[in-house]
């Protein structure tokens, strides 16, 4: 569906995170070491290569003390990359939809979320719209812990996280392919 995806559909997909303090941005893949592209996104130095919507809760902050306001210091050197690499695991594409939906759930536990089954079809539709931007061959990474090789995040609770921000809790997804890098991240209170 990548060719059929429109800016309007992408923006509608991002509404999956309207009840969360969320960050979602896509940038052009410019670096051989894609972690440096991730860092540029964290510092707010990029824009969507298609000119499409993004989510940045700090975008209009006039008192933004540092460029990467919410994030821990983004990687700038190979040693930093190693630190960040240890904080994520590669996630199979078959598990990405349920993680994207879970990131849209306050508390990140569908079994404790009132009305989830009624909202689930619309949340899954939006997650699939977002996922459709990333063609086969895209690699996905997350800082969320899980069990098994192909986790279904509706059936298992999050098994810890490696935080990427100054918030008390954050969880997210990184998508990487030959042309684009994306971050979809949610935060709990600071």
C-alpha atoms as a PDB file:
ATOM      1  CA  UNK A   1       0.000   0.000   0.000  1.00  0.00           C
ATOM      2  CA  UNK A   2       3.028   2.309   0.178  1.00  0.00           C
ATOM      3  CA  UNK A   3       2.203   3.758  -3.266  1.00  0.00           C
ATOM      4  CA  UNK A   4      -1.445   4.324  -2.278  1.00  0.00           C
ATOM      5  CA  UNK A   5      -0.697   6.012   1.038  1.00  0.00           C
ATOM      6  CA  UNK A   6      -1.566   9.719   1.110  1.00  0.00           C
ATOM      7  CA  UNK A   7      -0.642  12.560   3.439  1.00  0.00           C
ATOM      8  CA  UNK A   8      -4.237  12.652   4.678  1.00  0.00           C
ATOM      9  CA  UNK A   9      -4.276   8.915   5.424  1.00  0.00           C
ATOM     10  CA  UNK A  10      -0.910   9.210   7.225  1.00  0.00           C
ATOM     11  CA  UNK A  11      -2.245  12.082   9.373  1.00  0.00           C
ATOM     12  CA  UNK A  12      -5.344  10.026  10.182  1.00  0.00           C
ATOM     13  CA  UNK A  13      -3.096   7.117  11.172  1.00  0.00           C
ATOM     14  CA  UNK A  14      -1.189   9.360  13.577  1.00  0.00           C
ATOM     15  CA  UNK A  15      -4.490   9.995  15.377  1.00  0.00           C
ATOM     16  CA  UNK A  16      -3.853   6.555  16.928  1.00  0.00           C
ATOM     17  CA  UNK A  17      -1.704   8.467  19.421  1.00  0.00           C
ATOM     18  CA  UNK A  18      -4.046  11.413  20.101  1.00  0.00           C
ATOM     19  CA  UNK A  19      -4.663  10.326  23.707  1.00  0.00           C
ATOM     20  CA  UNK A  20      -0.934   9.882  24.417  1.00  0.00           C
ATOM     21  CA  UNK A  21       2.029  12.158  24.876  1.00  0.00           C
ATOM     22  CA  UNK A  22       3.582  10.951  21.652  1.00  0.00           C
ATOM     23  CA  UNK A  23       6.343  11.702  19.204  1.00  0.00           C
ATOM     24  CA  UNK A  24       6.243  10.428  15.628  1.00  0.00           C
ATOM     25  CA  UNK A  25       8.577  11.576  12.875  1.00  0.00           C
ATOM     26  CA  UNK A  26      10.036  10.243   9.650  1.00  0.00           C
ATOM     27  CA  UNK A  27      13.261  11.466   8.084  1.00  0.00           C
ATOM     28  CA  UNK A  28      15.283  10.727   4.999  1.00  0.00           C
ATOM     29  CA  UNK A  29      17.929   8.079   5.569  1.00  0.00           C
ATOM     30  CA  UNK A  30      21.156   9.980   4.990  1.00  0.00           C
ATOM     31  CA  UNK A  31      23.726   8.076   7.050  1.00  0.00           C
ATOM     32  CA  UNK A  32      25.177   4.604   6.528  1.00  0.00           C
ATOM     33  CA  UNK A  33      24.936   4.266  10.317  1.00  0.00           C
ATOM     34  CA  UNK A  34      21.196   4.920  10.678  1.00  0.00           C
ATOM     35  CA  UNK A  35      21.495   5.686  14.404  1.00  0.00           C
ATOM     36  CA  UNK A  36      22.867   9.082  13.385  1.00  0.00           C
ATOM     37  CA  UNK A  37      19.638   9.673  11.422  1.00  0.00           C
ATOM     38  CA  UNK A  38      17.708   8.706  14.581  1.00  0.00           C
ATOM     39  CA  UNK A  39      19.772  11.260  16.511  1.00  0.00           C
ATOM     40  CA  UNK A  40      18.960  13.973  13.965  1.00  0.00           C
ATOM     41  CA  UNK A  41      15.247  13.207  14.404  1.00  0.00           C
ATOM     42  CA  UNK A  42      15.605  13.403  18.198  1.00  0.00           C
ATOM     43  CA  UNK A  43      17.317  16.788  17.919  1.00  0.00           C
ATOM     44  CA  UNK A  44      14.544  18.126  15.680  1.00  0.00           C
ATOM     45  CA  UNK A  45      16.921  18.652  12.746  1.00  0.00           C
ATOM     46  CA  UNK A  46      14.839  16.787  10.176  1.00  0.00           C
ATOM     47  CA  UNK A  47      11.541  17.074   8.407  1.00  0.00           C
ATOM     48  CA  UNK A  48       9.400  14.469   6.758  1.00  0.00           C
ATOM     49  CA  UNK A  49      10.822  13.849   3.253  1.00  0.00           C
ATOM     50  CA  UNK A  50       7.277  13.741   1.870  1.00  0.00           C
ATOM     51  CA  UNK A  51       6.196  16.850   3.773  1.00  0.00           C
ATOM     52  CA  UNK A  52       3.664  14.845   5.782  1.00  0.00           C
ATOM     53  CA  UNK A  53       2.473  15.355   9.363  1.00  0.00           C
ATOM     54  CA  UNK A  54       4.511  14.459  12.407  1.00  0.00           C
ATOM     55  CA  UNK A  55       3.907  14.572  16.156  1.00  0.00           C
ATOM     56  CA  UNK A  56       6.233  16.478  18.446  1.00  0.00           C
ATOM     57  CA  UNK A  57       4.885  17.491  21.863  1.00  0.00           C
ATOM     58  CA  UNK A  58       7.800  19.924  22.205  1.00  0.00           C
ATOM     59  CA  UNK A  59       7.543  21.526  18.788  1.00  0.00           C
ATOM     60  CA  UNK A  60       6.113  24.805  20.085  1.00  0.00           C
ATOM     61  CA  UNK A  61       8.052  24.930  23.357  1.00  0.00           C
ATOM     62  CA  UNK A  62       9.727  28.313  23.634  1.00  0.00           C
ATOM     63  CA  UNK A  63      11.732  27.241  26.702  1.00  0.00           C
ATOM     64  CA  UNK A  64      13.226  24.182  25.077  1.00  0.00           C
ATOM     65  CA  UNK A  65      16.525  24.064  26.988  1.00  0.00           C
ATOM     66  CA  UNK A  66      18.286  21.662  24.676  1.00  0.00           C
ATOM     67  CA  UNK A  67      17.617  20.595  21.108  1.00  0.00           C
ATOM     68  CA  UNK A  68      16.728  17.071  22.176  1.00  0.00           C
ATOM     69  CA  UNK A  69      14.507  18.269  25.043  1.00  0.00           C
ATOM     70  CA  UNK A  70      12.831  14.983  26.050  1.00  0.00           C
ATOM     71  CA  UNK A  71      15.455  12.578  24.845  1.00  0.00           C
ATOM     72  CA  UNK A  72      18.578  11.453  26.614  1.00  0.00           C
ATOM     73  CA  UNK A  73      21.656  12.629  24.744  1.00  0.00           C
ATOM     74  CA  UNK A  74      21.241  11.313  21.166  1.00  0.00           C
ATOM     75  CA  UNK A  75      24.129   9.326  19.673  1.00  0.00           C
ATOM     76  CA  UNK A  76      26.861  11.422  18.074  1.00  0.00           C
ATOM     77  CA  UNK A  77      29.828   9.010  18.127  1.00  0.00           C
ATOM     78  CA  UNK A  78      30.283   5.264  17.491  1.00  0.00           C
ATOM     79  CA  UNK A  79      30.474   4.602  21.264  1.00  0.00           C
ATOM     80  CA  UNK A  80      27.066   6.251  21.677  1.00  0.00           C
ATOM     81  CA  UNK A  81      25.688   4.047  18.902  1.00  0.00           C
ATOM     82  CA  UNK A  82      26.814   0.956  20.785  1.00  0.00           C
ATOM     83  CA  UNK A  83      24.984   2.169  23.904  1.00  0.00           C
ATOM     84  CA  UNK A  84      21.773   2.729  21.948  1.00  0.00           C
ATOM     85  CA  UNK A  85      22.071  -0.593  20.088  1.00  0.00           C
ATOM     86  CA  UNK A  86      22.100  -2.408  23.425  1.00  0.00           C
ATOM     87  CA  UNK A  87      18.825  -0.670  24.326  1.00  0.00           C
ATOM     88  CA  UNK A  88      16.734  -2.120  21.500  1.00  0.00           C
ATOM     89  CA  UNK A  89      15.890  -5.463  19.954  1.00  0.00           C
ATOM     90  CA  UNK A  90      14.812  -6.163  16.409  1.00  0.00           C
ATOM     91  CA  UNK A  91      11.110  -6.884  16.153  1.00  0.00           C
ATOM     92  CA  UNK A  92       9.602  -9.006  13.370  1.00  0.00           C
ATOM     93  CA  UNK A  93       7.159  -7.189  11.085  1.00  0.00           C
ATOM     94  CA  UNK A  94       4.423  -9.611  12.184  1.00  0.00           C
ATOM     95  CA  UNK A  95       4.595  -8.098  15.701  1.00  0.00           C
ATOM     96  CA  UNK A  96       4.764  -4.427  14.743  1.00  0.00           C
ATOM     97  CA  UNK A  97       1.006  -3.852  14.389  1.00  0.00           C
ATOM     98  CA  UNK A  98       0.230  -4.993  17.932  1.00  0.00           C
ATOM     99  CA  UNK A  99       3.103  -2.879  19.304  1.00  0.00           C
ATOM    100  CA  UNK A 100       1.890   0.198  17.403  1.00  0.00           C
ATOM    101  CA  UNK A 101      -1.586  -0.286  18.862  1.00  0.00           C
ATOM    102  CA  UNK A 102      -0.156  -0.874  22.337  1.00  0.00           C
ATOM    103  CA  UNK A 103       1.775   2.410  22.108  1.00  0.00           C
ATOM    104  CA  UNK A 104      -1.607   4.104  21.644  1.00  0.00           C
ATOM    105  CA  UNK A 105      -3.010   2.620  24.876  1.00  0.00           C
ATOM    106  CA  UNK A 106      -2.582   4.555  28.109  1.00  0.00           C
ATOM    107  CA  UNK A 107      -0.745   2.265  30.516  1.00  0.00           C
ATOM    108  CA  UNK A 108       0.305  -0.016  27.641  1.00  0.00           C
ATOM    109  CA  UNK A 109      -1.794  -2.951  28.839  1.00  0.00           C
ATOM    110  CA  UNK A 110      -4.817  -3.838  26.713  1.00  0.00           C
ATOM    111  CA  UNK A 111      -6.240  -6.238  29.321  1.00  0.00           C
ATOM    112  CA  UNK A 112      -6.590  -3.318  31.757  1.00  0.00           C
ATOM    113  CA  UNK A 113      -7.890  -0.818  29.204  1.00  0.00           C
ATOM    114  CA  UNK A 114     -11.599  -0.127  29.418  1.00  0.00           C
ATOM    115  CA  UNK A 115     -13.340  -0.394  26.049  1.00  0.00           C
ATOM    116  CA  UNK A 116     -10.295  -1.718  24.215  1.00  0.00           C
ATOM    117  CA  UNK A 117     -12.159  -4.424  22.271  1.00  0.00           C
ATOM    118  CA  UNK A 118     -14.613  -1.825  20.937  1.00  0.00           C
ATOM    119  CA  UNK A 119     -11.786   0.529  19.917  1.00  0.00           C
ATOM    120  CA  UNK A 120      -9.445  -2.199  18.691  1.00  0.00           C
ATOM    121  CA  UNK A 121     -10.605  -2.378  15.023  1.00  0.00           C
ATOM    122  CA  UNK A 122     -10.130   1.370  14.496  1.00  0.00           C
ATOM    123  CA  UNK A 123      -6.788   1.358  16.311  1.00  0.00           C
ATOM    124  CA  UNK A 124      -5.596  -1.569  14.188  1.00  0.00           C
ATOM    125  CA  UNK A 125      -6.771   0.167  11.009  1.00  0.00           C
ATOM    126  CA  UNK A 126      -4.707   3.224  11.895  1.00  0.00           C
ATOM    127  CA  UNK A 127      -1.673   1.126  12.844  1.00  0.00           C
ATOM    128  CA  UNK A 128      -1.842  -0.666   9.492  1.00  0.00           C
ATOM    129  CA  UNK A 129      -2.040   2.671   7.660  1.00  0.00           C
ATOM    130  CA  UNK A 130       1.140   3.820   9.421  1.00  0.00           C
ATOM    131  CA  UNK A 131       2.836   0.472   8.863  1.00  0.00           C
ATOM    132  CA  UNK A 132       1.998   0.605   5.144  1.00  0.00           C
ATOM    133  CA  UNK A 133       4.502   3.432   4.702  1.00  0.00           C
ATOM    134  CA  UNK A 134       7.345   1.025   5.363  1.00  0.00           C
ATOM    135  CA  UNK A 135       7.888  -1.502   2.551  1.00  0.00           C
ATOM    136  CA  UNK A 136       8.940  -5.111   2.918  1.00  0.00           C
ATOM    137  CA  UNK A 137      12.562  -5.213   3.954  1.00  0.00           C
ATOM    138  CA  UNK A 138      12.107  -2.446   6.531  1.00  0.00           C
ATOM    139  CA  UNK A 139      13.666  -3.391   9.862  1.00  0.00           C
ATOM    140  CA  UNK A 140      11.915  -2.570  13.118  1.00  0.00           C
ATOM    141  CA  UNK A 141      13.426  -2.076  16.560  1.00  0.00           C
ATOM    142  CA  UNK A 142      11.943  -1.359  19.964  1.00  0.00           C
ATOM    143  CA  UNK A 143      13.109  -0.547  23.458  1.00  0.00           C
ATOM    144  CA  UNK A 144      10.224  -2.604  24.862  1.00  0.00           C
ATOM    145  CA  UNK A 145      11.018  -5.979  26.394  1.00  0.00           C
ATOM    146  CA  UNK A 146       9.091  -9.067  25.293  1.00  0.00           C
ATOM    147  CA  UNK A 147       9.119 -12.825  25.365  1.00  0.00           C
ATOM    148  CA  UNK A 148       9.262 -15.132  22.364  1.00  0.00           C
ATOM    149  CA  UNK A 149      10.359 -14.613  18.782  1.00  0.00           C
ATOM    150  CA  UNK A 150       7.084 -13.170  17.454  1.00  0.00           C
ATOM    151  CA  UNK A 151       5.367 -11.408  20.332  1.00  0.00           C
ATOM    152  CA  UNK A 152       1.719 -10.447  20.282  1.00  0.00           C
ATOM    153  CA  UNK A 153       1.580  -7.418  22.552  1.00  0.00           C
ATOM    154  CA  UNK A 154      -2.131  -7.940  23.231  1.00  0.00           C
ATOM    155  CA  UNK A 155      -1.333 -11.261  24.905  1.00  0.00           C
ATOM    156  CA  UNK A 156       1.716 -10.328  26.969  1.00  0.00           C
ATOM    157  CA  UNK A 157       2.484  -7.341  29.125  1.00  0.00           C
ATOM    158  CA  UNK A 158       5.465  -5.163  28.367  1.00  0.00           C
ATOM    159  CA  UNK A 159       8.458  -6.795  29.991  1.00  0.00           C
ATOM    160  CA  UNK A 160      10.378  -3.638  30.898  1.00  0.00           C
ATOM    161  CA  UNK A 161      11.856  -0.897  28.730  1.00  0.00           C
ATOM    162  CA  UNK A 162      15.230   0.698  28.127  1.00  0.00           C
ATOM    163  CA  UNK A 163      14.389   4.375  28.391  1.00  0.00           C
ATOM    164  CA  UNK A 164      15.407   6.805  25.674  1.00  0.00           C
ATOM    165  CA  UNK A 165      14.089   9.910  27.393  1.00  0.00           C
ATOM    166  CA  UNK A 166      14.108  11.887  30.596  1.00  0.00           C
ATOM    167  CA  UNK A 167      10.562  10.746  31.286  1.00  0.00           C
ATOM    168  CA  UNK A 168       9.737   8.166  33.918  1.00  0.00           C
ATOM    169  CA  UNK A 169       8.733   5.683  31.223  1.00  0.00           C
ATOM    170  CA  UNK A 170       8.894   5.702  27.442  1.00  0.00           C
ATOM    171  CA  UNK A 171       8.349   3.105  24.778  1.00  0.00           C
ATOM    172  CA  UNK A 172       8.637   3.177  21.055  1.00  0.00           C
ATOM    173  CA  UNK A 173       9.379   1.824  17.646  1.00  0.00           C
ATOM    174  CA  UNK A 174      12.140   2.606  15.164  1.00  0.00           C
ATOM    175  CA  UNK A 175      11.621   1.742  11.489  1.00  0.00           C
ATOM    176  CA  UNK A 176      14.620   1.691   9.142  1.00  0.00           C
ATOM    177  CA  UNK A 177      14.832   1.045   5.417  1.00  0.00           C
ATOM    178  CA  UNK A 178      17.075   2.187   2.579  1.00  0.00           C
ATOM    179  CA  UNK A 179      15.338   5.557   2.165  1.00  0.00           C
ATOM    180  CA  UNK A 180      13.648   6.484   5.460  1.00  0.00           C
ATOM    181  CA  UNK A 181      14.037   6.258   9.237  1.00  0.00           C
ATOM    182  CA  UNK A 182      11.089   6.710  11.605  1.00  0.00           C
ATOM    183  CA  UNK A 183      10.572   7.090  15.335  1.00  0.00           C
ATOM    184  CA  UNK A 184       7.185   6.472  16.939  1.00  0.00           C
ATOM    185  CA  UNK A 185       7.455   7.013  20.684  1.00  0.00           C
ATOM    186  CA  UNK A 186       5.182   7.539  23.677  1.00  0.00           C
ATOM    187  CA  UNK A 187       6.048   8.987  27.063  1.00  0.00           C
ATOM    188  CA  UNK A 188       4.653   8.792  30.569  1.00  0.00           C
ATOM    189  CA  UNK A 189       4.967  11.589  33.121  1.00  0.00           C
ATOM    190  CA  UNK A 190       8.254  13.339  33.785  1.00  0.00           C
END
